[in-house]
């Protein structure tokens, strides 16, 4: 059973050089600002923990991996500053993940939307189930996936992110995501996924942590400007969310 907490949940378990972060929210594991901030701080803390070598990022339950940004908080944004602060949450998480000294392995068990796709893209290696379809739906509510785009494009390329984002109502299946490079491996069921993930993560944890850290720097080479870039994108998105188009689109989701 998943969390019922309105601000979501975040738990970390450390075992045999592996830290497993599990996040959750009752609204399909979506992210409120507080949960984004907690996740950012957790990655920064674990980055400096010499007792671990690998981080596994997963979400609660066996359905959706992540529904992206909280619609309730999107609807509550009332000015430019609030908009920038909210979307900066995703910017900070992605930057914390790319700067983290540890290899981050994602476990994507189900459907993933918007910011959740960005989280998967910011992982260094991703295990996914066959149920892990993805969608960038931002254009349907009058914004765009500006903050997460650098991370997603780094993994799947310009052509694929164009295809994904300009058909915002269409789901792409897990095998499409694997073919494009977002997912590393796809499994028929979650049980098989977890067995393979556990086996491979233990192997990774046994490698030289200094070598893994230096290799991760190489894999993320050319992204140092993201600290500024993603915050600039957050400010633009914060402006878009205040547009009449977006206000009208979001009003349809009010209870």
Protein backbone atom coordinates (compact mmCIF):
# COMPACT_ATOMS: atom_id res chain seq x y z
CA UNK A 1 0.00 0.00 0.00
CA UNK A 2 1.35 3.43 -0.96
CA UNK A 3 1.66 6.53 1.17
CA UNK A 4 -1.35 8.67 1.99
CA UNK A 5 0.73 11.71 2.96
CA UNK A 6 -0.15 14.84 0.95
CA UNK A 7 3.51 15.90 0.85
CA UNK A 8 4.59 12.44 -0.24
CA UNK A 9 7.13 10.09 1.28
CA UNK A 10 10.83 9.46 0.84
CA UNK A 11 12.74 6.59 2.42
CA UNK A 12 16.34 5.45 2.02
CA UNK A 13 17.64 2.00 2.87
CA UNK A 14 21.36 1.22 2.85
CA UNK A 15 22.55 -2.35 2.50
CA UNK A 16 25.83 -3.81 1.27
CA UNK A 17 27.12 -0.59 -0.36
CA UNK A 18 23.78 0.07 -2.07
CA UNK A 19 21.45 2.92 -1.10
CA UNK A 20 17.86 2.48 -2.26
CA UNK A 21 15.74 5.64 -2.39
CA UNK A 22 11.99 5.09 -2.61
CA UNK A 23 9.64 8.01 -3.19
CA UNK A 24 5.88 7.99 -3.18
CA UNK A 25 2.79 10.15 -3.41
CA UNK A 26 -0.90 9.19 -3.35
CA UNK A 27 -1.42 10.91 -6.73
CA UNK A 28 0.39 8.30 -8.86
CA UNK A 29 3.78 9.13 -7.32
CA UNK A 30 3.69 12.71 -8.56
CA UNK A 31 5.95 15.38 -7.09
CA UNK A 32 5.05 18.27 -4.84
CA UNK A 33 7.72 20.91 -4.20
CA UNK A 34 8.60 19.59 -0.74
CA UNK A 35 9.21 16.09 -2.08
CA UNK A 36 11.45 17.41 -4.87
CA UNK A 37 13.47 19.33 -2.30
CA UNK A 38 13.85 16.27 -0.08
CA UNK A 39 14.98 14.15 -3.02
CA UNK A 40 17.57 16.74 -4.03
CA UNK A 41 18.99 16.86 -0.51
CA UNK A 42 19.07 13.05 -0.33
CA UNK A 43 21.13 12.74 -3.51
CA UNK A 44 23.58 15.35 -2.22
CA UNK A 45 23.90 13.54 1.12
CA UNK A 46 24.41 10.11 -0.43
CA UNK A 47 26.94 11.51 -2.88
CA UNK A 48 29.28 12.14 0.07
CA UNK A 49 28.61 8.82 1.81
CA UNK A 50 31.72 6.65 1.50
CA UNK A 51 29.80 3.61 2.76
CA UNK A 52 27.88 3.30 -0.50
CA UNK A 53 28.85 2.83 -4.14
CA UNK A 54 25.53 2.68 -5.99
CA UNK A 55 22.13 4.34 -5.59
CA UNK A 56 18.86 2.75 -6.74
CA UNK A 57 15.96 5.11 -7.40
CA UNK A 58 12.49 3.59 -7.27
CA UNK A 59 8.91 4.58 -6.46
CA UNK A 60 6.16 3.03 -4.38
CA UNK A 61 3.78 0.37 -5.59
CA UNK A 62 3.57 -1.65 -8.77
CA UNK A 63 1.66 0.77 -10.98
CA UNK A 64 2.81 4.26 -12.05
CA UNK A 65 6.48 5.11 -11.62
CA UNK A 66 5.88 8.85 -11.62
CA UNK A 67 3.10 11.16 -12.84
CA UNK A 68 5.38 14.20 -12.99
CA UNK A 69 4.51 17.49 -11.33
CA UNK A 70 1.64 17.76 -8.87
CA UNK A 71 -1.39 19.21 -10.64
CA UNK A 72 -2.67 20.63 -7.35
CA UNK A 73 0.53 22.65 -6.90
CA UNK A 74 0.56 23.69 -10.56
CA UNK A 75 -2.95 25.09 -10.13
CA UNK A 76 -1.86 26.92 -6.98
CA UNK A 77 0.93 28.88 -8.70
CA UNK A 78 -0.13 32.54 -8.63
CA UNK A 79 2.91 34.56 -9.74
CA UNK A 80 6.20 34.34 -11.62
CA UNK A 81 8.30 33.74 -8.52
CA UNK A 82 6.13 30.84 -7.37
CA UNK A 83 6.24 29.33 -10.85
CA UNK A 84 10.01 29.54 -11.07
CA UNK A 85 10.45 28.09 -7.59
CA UNK A 86 8.19 25.13 -8.32
CA UNK A 87 9.81 24.16 -11.62
CA UNK A 88 13.25 24.78 -10.15
CA UNK A 89 12.53 21.73 -8.00
CA UNK A 90 12.96 19.46 -11.01
CA UNK A 91 16.04 21.44 -12.07
CA UNK A 92 17.66 20.92 -8.68
CA UNK A 93 16.92 17.17 -8.65
CA UNK A 94 18.35 16.61 -12.13
CA UNK A 95 21.46 18.63 -11.31
CA UNK A 96 21.92 16.74 -8.03
CA UNK A 97 21.67 13.45 -9.91
CA UNK A 98 24.19 14.40 -12.61
CA UNK A 99 26.63 15.77 -10.02
CA UNK A 100 26.20 12.82 -7.66
CA UNK A 101 29.44 10.87 -7.25
CA UNK A 102 27.58 7.56 -7.18
CA UNK A 103 26.16 5.65 -10.12
CA UNK A 104 22.35 5.95 -10.06
CA UNK A 105 20.28 3.00 -11.27
CA UNK A 106 16.60 3.62 -11.99
CA UNK A 107 13.81 1.09 -11.44
CA UNK A 108 10.83 2.07 -13.60
CA UNK A 109 7.94 -0.32 -12.97
CA UNK A 110 5.08 1.52 -14.64
CA UNK A 111 3.84 4.49 -16.62
CA UNK A 112 5.91 7.64 -16.49
CA UNK A 113 4.86 11.16 -17.45
CA UNK A 114 6.62 14.53 -17.78
CA UNK A 115 9.04 15.10 -14.94
CA UNK A 116 9.14 11.37 -14.29
CA UNK A 117 10.66 10.89 -17.73
CA UNK A 118 13.23 13.48 -16.74
CA UNK A 119 14.10 11.52 -13.59
CA UNK A 120 14.56 8.33 -15.60
CA UNK A 121 16.78 10.20 -18.06
CA UNK A 122 18.94 11.54 -15.24
CA UNK A 123 19.69 7.99 -14.04
CA UNK A 124 22.88 6.39 -15.31
CA UNK A 125 21.27 3.02 -16.03
CA UNK A 126 17.59 2.11 -16.06
CA UNK A 127 15.75 -1.18 -15.57
CA UNK A 128 12.13 -1.04 -16.71
CA UNK A 129 9.14 -3.32 -16.91
CA UNK A 130 7.09 -3.91 -20.03
CA UNK A 131 4.38 -1.73 -18.43
CA UNK A 132 6.68 1.31 -18.30
CA UNK A 133 5.16 3.41 -21.08
CA UNK A 134 6.24 7.05 -21.27
CA UNK A 135 4.65 10.32 -22.32
CA UNK A 136 5.60 14.00 -22.39
CA UNK A 137 2.18 15.61 -22.00
CA UNK A 138 3.23 19.17 -21.17
CA UNK A 139 2.01 20.79 -24.38
CA UNK A 140 -1.55 19.65 -23.64
CA UNK A 141 -1.68 22.06 -20.68
CA UNK A 142 0.13 24.94 -22.36
CA UNK A 143 3.65 24.47 -21.04
CA UNK A 144 6.62 22.55 -22.47
CA UNK A 145 9.14 20.04 -21.07
CA UNK A 146 11.81 22.73 -20.95
CA UNK A 147 13.49 21.84 -17.66
CA UNK A 148 13.82 18.11 -18.28
CA UNK A 149 14.59 18.41 -22.01
CA UNK A 150 18.40 18.53 -21.67
CA UNK A 151 18.43 15.29 -19.66
CA UNK A 152 15.97 13.53 -21.98
CA UNK A 153 17.66 14.75 -25.16
CA UNK A 154 21.05 13.64 -23.83
CA UNK A 155 19.69 10.08 -23.67
CA UNK A 156 17.41 9.79 -26.71
CA UNK A 157 18.48 12.57 -29.10
CA UNK A 158 16.69 15.49 -30.75
CA UNK A 159 14.62 13.46 -33.21
CA UNK A 160 13.21 11.18 -30.53
CA UNK A 161 12.39 13.96 -28.06
CA UNK A 162 10.66 15.80 -30.90
CA UNK A 163 8.58 12.72 -31.67
CA UNK A 164 7.76 12.21 -28.00
CA UNK A 165 6.94 15.80 -27.08
CA UNK A 166 5.02 16.86 -30.21
CA UNK A 167 2.59 13.97 -29.78
CA UNK A 168 1.77 14.76 -26.14
CA UNK A 169 -1.33 12.56 -25.92
CA UNK A 170 0.42 9.42 -27.21
CA UNK A 171 2.10 6.82 -25.04
CA UNK A 172 5.39 5.33 -26.21
CA UNK A 173 5.93 1.80 -24.97
CA UNK A 174 8.90 0.58 -22.96
CA UNK A 175 10.55 -1.04 -25.97
CA UNK A 176 10.45 2.27 -27.85
CA UNK A 177 12.13 3.89 -24.84
CA UNK A 178 14.75 1.14 -24.80
CA UNK A 179 15.41 1.45 -28.53
CA UNK A 180 15.94 5.21 -28.14
CA UNK A 181 18.28 4.79 -25.17
CA UNK A 182 16.15 5.94 -22.23
CA UNK A 183 15.81 2.44 -20.76
CA UNK A 184 18.79 0.11 -20.60
CA UNK A 185 16.84 -3.14 -20.15
CA UNK A 186 13.14 -4.05 -20.29
CA UNK A 187 11.57 -7.09 -18.59
CA UNK A 188 8.27 -8.91 -19.02
CA UNK A 189 7.34 -8.64 -15.35
CA UNK A 190 8.40 -6.86 -12.21
CA UNK A 191 9.65 -10.02 -10.52
CA UNK A 192 12.11 -10.67 -13.32
CA UNK A 193 13.09 -7.00 -13.33
CA UNK A 194 13.88 -7.01 -9.60
CA UNK A 195 15.91 -10.21 -9.74
CA UNK A 196 18.10 -8.88 -12.54
CA UNK A 197 18.37 -5.44 -10.97
CA UNK A 198 19.48 -6.86 -7.61
CA UNK A 199 22.05 -9.10 -9.27
CA UNK A 200 23.55 -6.38 -11.43
CA UNK A 201 23.51 -3.72 -8.71
CA UNK A 202 25.48 -6.00 -6.40
CA UNK A 203 28.03 -6.48 -9.17
CA UNK A 204 28.29 -2.72 -9.64
CA UNK A 205 28.69 -2.22 -5.89
CA UNK A 206 31.73 -4.49 -5.99
CA UNK A 207 33.61 -2.39 -8.51
CA UNK A 208 36.21 0.24 -7.62
CA UNK A 209 34.19 3.27 -6.40
CA UNK A 210 36.90 5.67 -7.59
CA UNK A 211 36.74 4.20 -11.09
CA UNK A 212 32.94 4.48 -11.12
CA UNK A 213 33.11 8.09 -9.96
CA UNK A 214 35.67 9.07 -12.59
CA UNK A 215 33.75 7.25 -15.33
CA UNK A 216 30.51 8.98 -14.35
CA UNK A 217 32.24 12.35 -14.77
CA UNK A 218 33.10 11.36 -18.33
CA UNK A 219 29.55 10.17 -19.06
CA UNK A 220 28.18 13.56 -17.97
CA UNK A 221 30.88 15.61 -19.67
CA UNK A 222 29.59 18.79 -21.29
CA UNK A 223 26.74 19.39 -18.83
CA UNK A 224 28.40 21.82 -16.42
CA UNK A 225 26.28 24.68 -17.77
CA UNK A 226 23.09 22.92 -16.65
CA UNK A 227 23.13 24.67 -13.26
CA UNK A 228 22.22 27.91 -15.03
CA UNK A 229 20.39 26.43 -18.02
CA UNK A 230 17.81 24.43 -16.08
CA UNK A 231 16.99 27.36 -13.81
CA UNK A 232 16.51 29.59 -16.86
CA UNK A 233 14.15 26.96 -18.27
CA UNK A 234 12.31 26.83 -14.92
CA UNK A 235 11.68 30.57 -15.09
CA UNK A 236 10.24 30.27 -18.61
CA UNK A 237 8.00 27.38 -17.55
CA UNK A 238 6.88 29.37 -14.52
CA UNK A 239 5.76 32.14 -16.87
CA UNK A 240 3.95 29.73 -19.17
CA UNK A 241 2.01 28.13 -16.33
CA UNK A 242 0.42 31.52 -15.65
CA UNK A 243 -0.86 31.86 -19.23
CA UNK A 244 -4.58 31.95 -19.93
CA UNK A 245 -4.25 28.74 -21.97
CA UNK A 246 -2.71 26.86 -19.06
CA UNK A 247 -5.10 28.30 -16.48
CA UNK A 248 -8.04 27.12 -18.59
CA UNK A 249 -6.47 23.71 -19.20
CA UNK A 250 -5.72 23.13 -15.53
CA UNK A 251 -9.19 24.25 -14.46
CA UNK A 252 -10.58 21.12 -16.09
CA UNK A 253 -8.74 19.03 -13.50
CA UNK A 254 -10.21 20.80 -10.49
CA UNK A 255 -12.32 18.57 -8.30
